[in-house]
Amino acid sequence: MSKDKKSIGQPILGQIYKLIPKNAIKGLTDKYQSDKYYKNLKFNTHLISPLYGVLIPR
């Protein structure tokens, strides 16, 4: 089975996400209460979505 060329940025995205300290994300989420009224999109997902859009070649 051949690899899909469209998923080329996913390993890079994972590496960048690992560089962001989890306690910094948790601290900002608690400080600004960004997840207080969320329905489907938590802060972590909202943080990763723009990175995915920028890093994935079209």
C-alpha atoms as a PDB file:
ATOM      1  CA  MET A   1       0.000   0.000   0.000  1.00  0.00           C
ATOM      2  CA  SER A   2       1.458   3.380  -0.981  1.00  0.00           C
ATOM      3  CA  LYS A   3       1.667   6.264   1.424  1.00  0.00           C
ATOM      4  CA  ASP A   4      -0.722   9.148   1.008  1.00  0.00           C
ATOM      5  CA  LYS A   5       1.109  12.318  -0.078  1.00  0.00           C
ATOM      6  CA  LYS A   6      -1.512  14.563   1.564  1.00  0.00           C
ATOM      7  CA  SER A   7      -0.557  13.500   5.112  1.00  0.00           C
ATOM      8  CA  ILE A   8       3.044  14.665   4.774  1.00  0.00           C
ATOM      9  CA  GLY A   9       2.675  17.408   7.423  1.00  0.00           C
ATOM     10  CA  GLN A  10       1.185  15.311  10.189  1.00  0.00           C
ATOM     11  CA  PRO A  11       4.512  14.120  11.672  1.00  0.00           C
ATOM     12  CA  ILE A  12       5.827  17.702  11.614  1.00  0.00           C
ATOM     13  CA  LEU A  13       2.634  18.929  13.243  1.00  0.00           C
ATOM     14  CA  GLY A  14       3.014  16.361  16.016  1.00  0.00           C
ATOM     15  CA  GLN A  15       6.597  17.420  16.646  1.00  0.00           C
ATOM     16  CA  ILE A  16       5.632  21.091  16.882  1.00  0.00           C
ATOM     17  CA  TYR A  17       2.738  20.261  19.209  1.00  0.00           C
ATOM     18  CA  LYS A  18       5.113  18.361  21.497  1.00  0.00           C
ATOM     19  CA  LEU A  19       7.284  21.492  21.792  1.00  0.00           C
ATOM     20  CA  ILE A  20       4.406  23.471  23.322  1.00  0.00           C
ATOM     21  CA  PRO A  21       4.425  22.918  27.099  1.00  0.00           C
ATOM     22  CA  LYS A  22       1.182  21.298  28.270  1.00  0.00           C
ATOM     23  CA  ASN A  23       1.192  23.276  31.510  1.00  0.00           C
ATOM     24  CA  ALA A  24       1.336  26.531  29.493  1.00  0.00           C
ATOM     25  CA  ILE A  25      -1.761  25.495  27.523  1.00  0.00           C
ATOM     26  CA  LYS A  26      -3.530  24.418  30.704  1.00  0.00           C
ATOM     27  CA  GLY A  27      -2.535  27.639  32.486  1.00  0.00           C
ATOM     28  CA  LEU A  28      -3.843  29.856  29.687  1.00  0.00           C
ATOM     29  CA  THR A  29      -7.029  27.821  29.407  1.00  0.00           C
ATOM     30  CA  ASP A  30      -7.666  28.242  33.135  1.00  0.00           C
ATOM     31  CA  LYS A  31      -6.639  31.915  33.227  1.00  0.00           C
ATOM     32  CA  TYR A  32      -8.885  33.028  30.373  1.00  0.00           C
ATOM     33  CA  GLN A  33     -11.544  30.320  30.866  1.00  0.00           C
ATOM     34  CA  SER A  34     -11.468  29.554  27.146  1.00  0.00           C
ATOM     35  CA  ASP A  35     -13.141  26.148  27.554  1.00  0.00           C
ATOM     36  CA  LYS A  36     -15.897  27.408  29.854  1.00  0.00           C
ATOM     37  CA  TYR A  37     -18.632  27.613  27.231  1.00  0.00           C
ATOM     38  CA  TYR A  38     -17.243  25.352  24.505  1.00  0.00           C
ATOM     39  CA  LYS A  39     -19.547  22.995  22.652  1.00  0.00           C
ATOM     40  CA  ASN A  40     -17.433  20.979  20.244  1.00  0.00           C
ATOM     41  CA  LEU A  41     -14.088  22.746  19.803  1.00  0.00           C
ATOM     42  CA  LYS A  42     -11.765  22.840  22.812  1.00  0.00           C
ATOM     43  CA  PHE A  43      -8.777  25.165  23.046  1.00  0.00           C
ATOM     44  CA  ASN A  44      -6.261  22.431  22.129  1.00  0.00           C
ATOM     45  CA  THR A  45      -8.105  21.654  18.903  1.00  0.00           C
ATOM     46  CA  HIS A  46      -8.472  25.342  18.113  1.00  0.00           C
ATOM     47  CA  LEU A  47      -4.714  25.776  18.635  1.00  0.00           C
ATOM     48  CA  ILE A  48      -3.756  22.899  16.321  1.00  0.00           C
ATOM     49  CA  SER A  49      -6.179  23.742  13.495  1.00  0.00           C
ATOM     50  CA  PRO A  50      -4.353  26.880  12.246  1.00  0.00           C
ATOM     51  CA  LEU A  51      -0.992  25.096  12.480  1.00  0.00           C
ATOM     52  CA  TYR A  52      -2.380  22.287  10.351  1.00  0.00           C
ATOM     53  CA  GLY A  53      -3.693  24.739   7.761  1.00  0.00           C
ATOM     54  CA  VAL A  54      -0.369  26.557   7.508  1.00  0.00           C
ATOM     55  CA  LEU A  55       1.940  23.535   7.477  1.00  0.00           C
ATOM     56  CA  ILE A  56       0.088  21.202   5.131  1.00  0.00           C
ATOM     57  CA  PRO A  57       1.095  21.900   1.516  1.00  0.00           C
ATOM     58  CA  ARG A  58      -1.676  22.192  -0.990  1.00  0.00           C
END
